């Protein structure tokens, strides 16, 4: 009985390790030179403090209309443990994933104004705008160089900058990988962190730059429900979601 229980526990542990190695999420951030640890998935939120919202699994979101799409599952505030990083507009932010295994797909970075406190905000109700994106860099869809391949080559990290003209306030920053290495089955990996943006900027996006998450994507989008392996020789890819807002 003891041996059986031991093997059962080992099997569970190996299963979790397999999930972690196959998928993943953002583990930490470097914001204007300061390192912030992310939420520790597979652990209770009790006692954790992070600028990141809670996310509970390394597994992907496969439904582009999922209620968890804004900030992963379950995206909850950490309450008294919820922190926000103070950062000047124009500063760079680097997100560090676990050792990322998927090289096919785009990288996208969004922000959303909380209109007050981000800690009490419902992320699915916010208006999100995209500040960075990169998709197919060169070559064709099944064999070309993708942004996620670039992320892997850069130590599973991605660096972007907050638009320098962005008005100060509390914001979310949302990093998202859309892995499309599985035919017709998108895999979304979104992670959110809270920021307090400072500076003298006055700009705010409006109109078509703003989207809801969920709401911005659907399976019929050309860059979402896609089979890259059936498209050899095709050298263009449409990144889903709105255009990038540069602050101008």
C-alpha atoms as a PDB file:
ATOM      1  CA  UNK A   1       0.000   0.000   0.000  1.00  0.00           C
ATOM      2  CA  UNK A   2       2.819   2.407   0.869  1.00  0.00           C
ATOM      3  CA  UNK A   3       4.603   1.685  -2.412  1.00  0.00           C
ATOM      4  CA  UNK A   4       1.395   2.205  -4.395  1.00  0.00           C
ATOM      5  CA  UNK A   5       0.723   5.528  -2.683  1.00  0.00           C
ATOM      6  CA  UNK A   6       4.290   6.630  -3.327  1.00  0.00           C
ATOM      7  CA  UNK A   7       4.076   5.784  -7.004  1.00  0.00           C
ATOM      8  CA  UNK A   8       0.727   7.573  -7.233  1.00  0.00           C
ATOM      9  CA  UNK A   9       2.206  10.729  -5.735  1.00  0.00           C
ATOM     10  CA  UNK A  10       5.170  10.480  -8.108  1.00  0.00           C
ATOM     11  CA  UNK A  11       2.851  10.102 -11.080  1.00  0.00           C
ATOM     12  CA  UNK A  12       0.961  13.241 -10.099  1.00  0.00           C
ATOM     13  CA  UNK A  13       4.188  15.194  -9.674  1.00  0.00           C
ATOM     14  CA  UNK A  14       5.507  14.030 -13.043  1.00  0.00           C
ATOM     15  CA  UNK A  15       2.215  14.966 -14.666  1.00  0.00           C
ATOM     16  CA  UNK A  16       2.451  18.498 -13.276  1.00  0.00           C
ATOM     17  CA  UNK A  17       6.068  18.759 -14.399  1.00  0.00           C
ATOM     18  CA  UNK A  18       5.026  17.675 -17.888  1.00  0.00           C
ATOM     19  CA  UNK A  19       2.361  20.380 -17.984  1.00  0.00           C
ATOM     20  CA  UNK A  20       4.844  23.019 -16.870  1.00  0.00           C
ATOM     21  CA  UNK A  21       7.407  21.985 -19.478  1.00  0.00           C
ATOM     22  CA  UNK A  22       4.813  21.965 -22.257  1.00  0.00           C
ATOM     23  CA  UNK A  23       3.149  25.288 -21.462  1.00  0.00           C
ATOM     24  CA  UNK A  24       3.804  28.222 -19.177  1.00  0.00           C
ATOM     25  CA  UNK A  25       3.400  31.804 -18.074  1.00  0.00           C
ATOM     26  CA  UNK A  26       5.187  34.969 -16.977  1.00  0.00           C
ATOM     27  CA  UNK A  27       7.268  34.325 -13.862  1.00  0.00           C
ATOM     28  CA  UNK A  28       8.769  37.778 -13.274  1.00  0.00           C
ATOM     29  CA  UNK A  29       9.186  41.288 -14.651  1.00  0.00           C
ATOM     30  CA  UNK A  30      11.961  43.823 -14.912  1.00  0.00           C
ATOM     31  CA  UNK A  31      10.393  47.274 -14.891  1.00  0.00           C
ATOM     32  CA  UNK A  32      12.739  50.226 -15.421  1.00  0.00           C
ATOM     33  CA  UNK A  33      15.560  48.212 -13.839  1.00  0.00           C
ATOM     34  CA  UNK A  34      13.631  46.786 -10.862  1.00  0.00           C
ATOM     35  CA  UNK A  35      12.731  43.081 -10.680  1.00  0.00           C
ATOM     36  CA  UNK A  36       9.239  42.034  -9.564  1.00  0.00           C
ATOM     37  CA  UNK A  37       8.326  38.422  -8.915  1.00  0.00           C
ATOM     38  CA  UNK A  38       5.141  37.112 -10.458  1.00  0.00           C
ATOM     39  CA  UNK A  39       2.397  35.063  -8.860  1.00  0.00           C
ATOM     40  CA  UNK A  40       3.408  31.475  -8.163  1.00  0.00           C
ATOM     41  CA  UNK A  41       0.969  29.260 -10.038  1.00  0.00           C
ATOM     42  CA  UNK A  42      -0.150  25.963  -8.474  1.00  0.00           C
ATOM     43  CA  UNK A  43       0.197  27.596  -5.044  1.00  0.00           C
ATOM     44  CA  UNK A  44      -2.443  29.106  -2.804  1.00  0.00           C
ATOM     45  CA  UNK A  45      -2.715  32.902  -3.116  1.00  0.00           C
ATOM     46  CA  UNK A  46      -2.738  33.116   0.682  1.00  0.00           C
ATOM     47  CA  UNK A  47       0.479  34.802   1.764  1.00  0.00           C
ATOM     48  CA  UNK A  48       1.575  35.749  -1.766  1.00  0.00           C
ATOM     49  CA  UNK A  49       2.368  39.352  -2.712  1.00  0.00           C
ATOM     50  CA  UNK A  50       2.858  40.326  -6.330  1.00  0.00           C
ATOM     51  CA  UNK A  51       2.147  43.001  -8.917  1.00  0.00           C
ATOM     52  CA  UNK A  52       0.712  40.168 -11.013  1.00  0.00           C
ATOM     53  CA  UNK A  53      -2.885  38.988 -10.836  1.00  0.00           C
ATOM     54  CA  UNK A  54      -3.508  35.389  -9.813  1.00  0.00           C
ATOM     55  CA  UNK A  55      -3.118  32.691 -12.452  1.00  0.00           C
ATOM     56  CA  UNK A  56      -3.550  29.087 -11.498  1.00  0.00           C
ATOM     57  CA  UNK A  57      -2.238  26.890 -14.300  1.00  0.00           C
ATOM     58  CA  UNK A  58       0.420  26.699 -16.999  1.00  0.00           C
ATOM     59  CA  UNK A  59      -2.222  25.310 -19.360  1.00  0.00           C
ATOM     60  CA  UNK A  60      -3.494  27.445 -22.246  1.00  0.00           C
ATOM     61  CA  UNK A  61      -6.859  29.041 -22.841  1.00  0.00           C
ATOM     62  CA  UNK A  62      -8.132  27.486 -26.064  1.00  0.00           C
ATOM     63  CA  UNK A  63     -11.426  29.357 -26.456  1.00  0.00           C
ATOM     64  CA  UNK A  64     -10.943  32.939 -27.745  1.00  0.00           C
ATOM     65  CA  UNK A  65     -14.230  33.921 -26.089  1.00  0.00           C
ATOM     66  CA  UNK A  66     -13.352  32.490 -22.665  1.00  0.00           C
ATOM     67  CA  UNK A  67     -14.187  34.630 -19.662  1.00  0.00           C
ATOM     68  CA  UNK A  68     -10.624  34.073 -18.432  1.00  0.00           C
ATOM     69  CA  UNK A  69      -9.033  35.635 -21.509  1.00  0.00           C
ATOM     70  CA  UNK A  70      -8.395  39.041 -19.958  1.00  0.00           C
ATOM     71  CA  UNK A  71      -5.944  37.939 -17.260  1.00  0.00           C
ATOM     72  CA  UNK A  72      -5.863  34.134 -17.285  1.00  0.00           C
ATOM     73  CA  UNK A  73      -7.586  31.796 -14.830  1.00  0.00           C
ATOM     74  CA  UNK A  74      -8.681  33.039 -12.479  1.00  0.00           C
ATOM     75  CA  UNK A  75      -7.280  36.557 -12.762  1.00  0.00           C
ATOM     76  CA  UNK A  76      -8.345  37.492  -9.245  1.00  0.00           C
ATOM     77  CA  UNK A  77      -6.891  40.317  -7.181  1.00  0.00           C
ATOM     78  CA  UNK A  78      -4.612  39.198  -4.345  1.00  0.00           C
ATOM     79  CA  UNK A  79      -6.363  41.612  -1.985  1.00  0.00           C
ATOM     80  CA  UNK A  80      -3.959  42.812   0.698  1.00  0.00           C
ATOM     81  CA  UNK A  81      -1.138  41.071  -1.193  1.00  0.00           C
ATOM     82  CA  UNK A  82      -1.856  42.859  -4.442  1.00  0.00           C
ATOM     83  CA  UNK A  83       0.938  45.252  -5.378  1.00  0.00           C
ATOM     84  CA  UNK A  84       1.444  47.765  -8.186  1.00  0.00           C
ATOM     85  CA  UNK A  85       4.747  48.827  -9.729  1.00  0.00           C
ATOM     86  CA  UNK A  86       5.353  52.562 -10.128  1.00  0.00           C
ATOM     87  CA  UNK A  87       6.879  53.319 -13.524  1.00  0.00           C
ATOM     88  CA  UNK A  88       7.392  56.414 -15.647  1.00  0.00           C
ATOM     89  CA  UNK A  89       5.774  56.555 -19.072  1.00  0.00           C
ATOM     90  CA  UNK A  90       8.393  55.736 -21.702  1.00  0.00           C
ATOM     91  CA  UNK A  91      10.104  53.143 -19.509  1.00  0.00           C
ATOM     92  CA  UNK A  92      10.835  49.619 -20.673  1.00  0.00           C
ATOM     93  CA  UNK A  93       9.228  46.478 -19.262  1.00  0.00           C
ATOM     94  CA  UNK A  94      10.629  42.993 -19.725  1.00  0.00           C
ATOM     95  CA  UNK A  95       8.469  39.955 -19.008  1.00  0.00           C
ATOM     96  CA  UNK A  96      10.219  36.654 -18.280  1.00  0.00           C
ATOM     97  CA  UNK A  97       8.443  33.376 -19.035  1.00  0.00           C
ATOM     98  CA  UNK A  98       9.408  29.903 -17.942  1.00  0.00           C
ATOM     99  CA  UNK A  99      11.524  28.107 -20.566  1.00  0.00           C
ATOM    100  CA  UNK A 100       9.102  28.649 -23.427  1.00  0.00           C
ATOM    101  CA  UNK A 101       8.732  25.634 -25.769  1.00  0.00           C
ATOM    102  CA  UNK A 102       6.591  26.948 -28.663  1.00  0.00           C
ATOM    103  CA  UNK A 103       8.223  28.885 -31.490  1.00  0.00           C
ATOM    104  CA  UNK A 104       5.205  29.456 -33.777  1.00  0.00           C
ATOM    105  CA  UNK A 105       2.927  32.382 -33.036  1.00  0.00           C
ATOM    106  CA  UNK A 106       2.721  36.088 -32.247  1.00  0.00           C
ATOM    107  CA  UNK A 107       3.562  38.068 -29.125  1.00  0.00           C
ATOM    108  CA  UNK A 108       1.172  40.838 -28.060  1.00  0.00           C
ATOM    109  CA  UNK A 109       1.259  43.386 -25.238  1.00  0.00           C
ATOM    110  CA  UNK A 110      -1.802  45.311 -24.057  1.00  0.00           C
ATOM    111  CA  UNK A 111      -2.571  47.930 -21.433  1.00  0.00           C
ATOM    112  CA  UNK A 112      -5.846  49.078 -19.852  1.00  0.00           C
ATOM    113  CA  UNK A 113      -6.659  52.118 -17.760  1.00  0.00           C
ATOM    114  CA  UNK A 114      -8.328  51.172 -14.502  1.00  0.00           C
ATOM    115  CA  UNK A 115      -9.973  54.580 -14.087  1.00  0.00           C
ATOM    116  CA  UNK A 116      -9.012  54.422 -10.429  1.00  0.00           C
ATOM    117  CA  UNK A 117      -7.737  51.492  -8.383  1.00  0.00           C
ATOM    118  CA  UNK A 118      -6.616  48.468 -10.398  1.00  0.00           C
ATOM    119  CA  UNK A 119      -6.797  46.234  -7.338  1.00  0.00           C
ATOM    120  CA  UNK A 120     -10.582  46.491  -7.313  1.00  0.00           C
ATOM    121  CA  UNK A 121     -11.014  46.417 -11.106  1.00  0.00           C
ATOM    122  CA  UNK A 122     -12.812  43.697 -13.065  1.00  0.00           C
ATOM    123  CA  UNK A 123     -10.382  43.080 -15.923  1.00  0.00           C
ATOM    124  CA  UNK A 124     -13.056  41.718 -18.279  1.00  0.00           C
ATOM    125  CA  UNK A 125     -14.909  45.040 -18.146  1.00  0.00           C
ATOM    126  CA  UNK A 126     -11.930  47.256 -18.973  1.00  0.00           C
ATOM    127  CA  UNK A 127     -11.052  48.803 -22.330  1.00  0.00           C
ATOM    128  CA  UNK A 128      -7.759  47.325 -23.518  1.00  0.00           C
ATOM    129  CA  UNK A 129      -5.341  48.822 -26.043  1.00  0.00           C
ATOM    130  CA  UNK A 130      -2.371  47.189 -27.692  1.00  0.00           C
ATOM    131  CA  UNK A 131       1.073  48.785 -27.287  1.00  0.00           C
ATOM    132  CA  UNK A 132       3.231  46.139 -28.966  1.00  0.00           C
ATOM    133  CA  UNK A 133       2.961  43.164 -31.281  1.00  0.00           C
ATOM    134  CA  UNK A 134       5.073  41.002 -33.550  1.00  0.00           C
ATOM    135  CA  UNK A 135       4.072  37.974 -35.606  1.00  0.00           C
ATOM    136  CA  UNK A 136       5.757  36.288 -38.559  1.00  0.00           C
ATOM    137  CA  UNK A 137       9.182  37.875 -39.017  1.00  0.00           C
ATOM    138  CA  UNK A 138      10.483  36.049 -42.086  1.00  0.00           C
ATOM    139  CA  UNK A 139       9.848  32.930 -44.136  1.00  0.00           C
ATOM    140  CA  UNK A 140       6.558  31.098 -44.476  1.00  0.00           C
ATOM    141  CA  UNK A 141       3.948  30.127 -41.895  1.00  0.00           C
ATOM    142  CA  UNK A 142       5.034  26.555 -41.079  1.00  0.00           C
ATOM    143  CA  UNK A 143       8.827  26.977 -41.180  1.00  0.00           C
ATOM    144  CA  UNK A 144       9.514  30.711 -40.797  1.00  0.00           C
ATOM    145  CA  UNK A 145      10.879  32.817 -37.976  1.00  0.00           C
ATOM    146  CA  UNK A 146       8.190  33.972 -35.553  1.00  0.00           C
ATOM    147  CA  UNK A 147       8.098  36.405 -32.646  1.00  0.00           C
ATOM    148  CA  UNK A 148       7.890  33.500 -30.221  1.00  0.00           C
ATOM    149  CA  UNK A 149      11.097  32.104 -31.703  1.00  0.00           C
ATOM    150  CA  UNK A 150      12.659  35.500 -31.054  1.00  0.00           C
ATOM    151  CA  UNK A 151      11.338  35.393 -27.481  1.00  0.00           C
ATOM    152  CA  UNK A 152      12.955  31.965 -26.981  1.00  0.00           C
ATOM    153  CA  UNK A 153      16.266  33.213 -28.386  1.00  0.00           C
ATOM    154  CA  UNK A 154      16.152  36.104 -25.907  1.00  0.00           C
ATOM    155  CA  UNK A 155      15.978  33.825 -22.886  1.00  0.00           C
ATOM    156  CA  UNK A 156      12.177  33.427 -22.945  1.00  0.00           C
ATOM    157  CA  UNK A 157      11.732  37.169 -22.428  1.00  0.00           C
ATOM    158  CA  UNK A 158      10.026  40.048 -24.189  1.00  0.00           C
ATOM    159  CA  UNK A 159      10.828  43.757 -23.788  1.00  0.00           C
ATOM    160  CA  UNK A 160       8.497  46.590 -24.690  1.00  0.00           C
ATOM    161  CA  UNK A 161       8.073  50.251 -23.733  1.00  0.00           C
ATOM    162  CA  UNK A 162       5.148  52.156 -22.293  1.00  0.00           C
ATOM    163  CA  UNK A 163       4.152  54.933 -24.720  1.00  0.00           C
ATOM    164  CA  UNK A 164       5.916  58.062 -23.458  1.00  0.00           C
ATOM    165  CA  UNK A 165       2.858  60.283 -24.013  1.00  0.00           C
ATOM    166  CA  UNK A 166       0.496  58.065 -21.974  1.00  0.00           C
ATOM    167  CA  UNK A 167      -1.398  59.986 -19.305  1.00  0.00           C
ATOM    168  CA  UNK A 168      -0.513  59.063 -15.700  1.00  0.00           C
ATOM    169  CA  UNK A 169      -2.761  56.747 -13.708  1.00  0.00           C
ATOM    170  CA  UNK A 170      -3.256  53.132 -12.705  1.00  0.00           C
ATOM    171  CA  UNK A 171      -3.051  50.614 -15.522  1.00  0.00           C
ATOM    172  CA  UNK A 172      -2.806  46.929 -16.220  1.00  0.00           C
ATOM    173  CA  UNK A 173      -0.141  45.624 -18.547  1.00  0.00           C
ATOM    174  CA  UNK A 174      -1.052  42.355 -20.230  1.00  0.00           C
ATOM    175  CA  UNK A 175       1.454  40.125 -22.006  1.00  0.00           C
ATOM    176  CA  UNK A 176       0.002  37.490 -24.297  1.00  0.00           C
ATOM    177  CA  UNK A 177       1.441  34.653 -26.325  1.00  0.00           C
ATOM    178  CA  UNK A 178      -0.793  33.059 -28.956  1.00  0.00           C
ATOM    179  CA  UNK A 179       0.717  29.674 -29.776  1.00  0.00           C
ATOM    180  CA  UNK A 180      -0.557  28.315 -33.095  1.00  0.00           C
ATOM    181  CA  UNK A 181       1.623  25.233 -33.477  1.00  0.00           C
ATOM    182  CA  UNK A 182      -1.440  22.967 -33.113  1.00  0.00           C
ATOM    183  CA  UNK A 183      -3.584  22.855 -36.247  1.00  0.00           C
ATOM    184  CA  UNK A 184      -6.763  24.944 -35.911  1.00  0.00           C
ATOM    185  CA  UNK A 185      -6.450  25.040 -32.118  1.00  0.00           C
ATOM    186  CA  UNK A 186      -5.182  28.349 -30.739  1.00  0.00           C
ATOM    187  CA  UNK A 187      -3.502  28.457 -27.349  1.00  0.00           C
ATOM    188  CA  UNK A 188      -3.699  31.787 -25.501  1.00  0.00           C
ATOM    189  CA  UNK A 189      -1.354  32.556 -22.608  1.00  0.00           C
ATOM    190  CA  UNK A 190      -2.263  35.951 -21.079  1.00  0.00           C
ATOM    191  CA  UNK A 191      -0.757  37.409 -17.898  1.00  0.00           C
ATOM    192  CA  UNK A 192      -1.568  40.737 -16.202  1.00  0.00           C
ATOM    193  CA  UNK A 193       0.345  42.986 -13.818  1.00  0.00           C
ATOM    194  CA  UNK A 194      -0.611  46.252 -12.164  1.00  0.00           C
ATOM    195  CA  UNK A 195       1.195  49.535 -12.802  1.00  0.00           C
ATOM    196  CA  UNK A 196       1.069  53.097 -11.529  1.00  0.00           C
ATOM    197  CA  UNK A 197       2.224  55.169 -14.499  1.00  0.00           C
ATOM    198  CA  UNK A 198       3.770  58.561 -13.811  1.00  0.00           C
ATOM    199  CA  UNK A 199       4.790  61.407 -16.096  1.00  0.00           C
ATOM    200  CA  UNK A 200       3.460  64.503 -17.814  1.00  0.00           C
ATOM    201  CA  UNK A 201       1.753  62.800 -20.749  1.00  0.00           C
ATOM    202  CA  UNK A 202      -1.858  63.528 -21.648  1.00  0.00           C
ATOM    203  CA  UNK A 203      -2.606  60.948 -24.353  1.00  0.00           C
ATOM    204  CA  UNK A 204      -5.257  58.241 -24.086  1.00  0.00           C
ATOM    205  CA  UNK A 205      -6.343  55.827 -26.844  1.00  0.00           C
ATOM    206  CA  UNK A 206      -9.891  55.901 -28.144  1.00  0.00           C
ATOM    207  CA  UNK A 207     -12.134  54.473 -30.833  1.00  0.00           C
ATOM    208  CA  UNK A 208     -10.996  51.339 -32.640  1.00  0.00           C
ATOM    209  CA  UNK A 209      -7.832  51.078 -30.529  1.00  0.00           C
ATOM    210  CA  UNK A 210      -9.967  49.973 -27.553  1.00  0.00           C
ATOM    211  CA  UNK A 211     -11.282  46.415 -27.185  1.00  0.00           C
ATOM    212  CA  UNK A 212     -12.790  44.137 -24.579  1.00  0.00           C
ATOM    213  CA  UNK A 213     -11.105  40.896 -23.527  1.00  0.00           C
ATOM    214  CA  UNK A 214     -12.882  38.642 -24.161  1.00  0.00           C
ATOM    215  CA  UNK A 215     -14.441  40.247 -27.214  1.00  0.00           C
ATOM    216  CA  UNK A 216     -11.449  41.166 -29.353  1.00  0.00           C
ATOM    217  CA  UNK A 217     -10.934  37.695 -30.852  1.00  0.00           C
ATOM    218  CA  UNK A 218     -13.043  35.005 -32.447  1.00  0.00           C
ATOM    219  CA  UNK A 219     -12.176  31.604 -33.862  1.00  0.00           C
ATOM    220  CA  UNK A 220     -12.925  32.755 -37.424  1.00  0.00           C
ATOM    221  CA  UNK A 221     -10.234  35.452 -37.280  1.00  0.00           C
ATOM    222  CA  UNK A 222      -7.556  34.607 -39.882  1.00  0.00           C
ATOM    223  CA  UNK A 223      -4.800  34.586 -37.257  1.00  0.00           C
ATOM    224  CA  UNK A 224      -6.678  32.543 -34.629  1.00  0.00           C
ATOM    225  CA  UNK A 225      -8.305  29.398 -36.057  1.00  0.00           C
ATOM    226  CA  UNK A 226      -5.416  28.677 -38.398  1.00  0.00           C
ATOM    227  CA  UNK A 227      -3.555  25.581 -39.608  1.00  0.00           C
ATOM    228  CA  UNK A 228      -0.090  26.888 -40.485  1.00  0.00           C
ATOM    229  CA  UNK A 229       1.027  23.462 -41.720  1.00  0.00           C
ATOM    230  CA  UNK A 230      -1.532  23.547 -44.530  1.00  0.00           C
ATOM    231  CA  UNK A 231      -0.114  26.861 -45.794  1.00  0.00           C
ATOM    232  CA  UNK A 232       3.455  26.260 -47.038  1.00  0.00           C
ATOM    233  CA  UNK A 233       4.773  29.196 -49.010  1.00  0.00           C
ATOM    234  CA  UNK A 234       2.364  31.685 -47.391  1.00  0.00           C
ATOM    235  CA  UNK A 235       4.448  34.543 -46.011  1.00  0.00           C
ATOM    236  CA  UNK A 236       1.854  36.823 -44.428  1.00  0.00           C
ATOM    237  CA  UNK A 237       0.073  36.457 -41.092  1.00  0.00           C
ATOM    238  CA  UNK A 238      -2.653  38.666 -39.626  1.00  0.00           C
ATOM    239  CA  UNK A 239      -2.151  39.281 -35.903  1.00  0.00           C
ATOM    240  CA  UNK A 240      -5.557  39.317 -34.184  1.00  0.00           C
ATOM    241  CA  UNK A 241      -6.902  42.251 -32.190  1.00  0.00           C
ATOM    242  CA  UNK A 242      -6.664  46.007 -32.690  1.00  0.00           C
ATOM    243  CA  UNK A 243      -3.877  48.043 -34.224  1.00  0.00           C
ATOM    244  CA  UNK A 244      -0.983  49.087 -31.992  1.00  0.00           C
ATOM    245  CA  UNK A 245      -1.470  52.427 -30.237  1.00  0.00           C
ATOM    246  CA  UNK A 246       1.837  54.290 -30.171  1.00  0.00           C
ATOM    247  CA  UNK A 247       0.645  57.271 -28.150  1.00  0.00           C
ATOM    248  CA  UNK A 248       0.539  59.712 -31.060  1.00  0.00           C
END
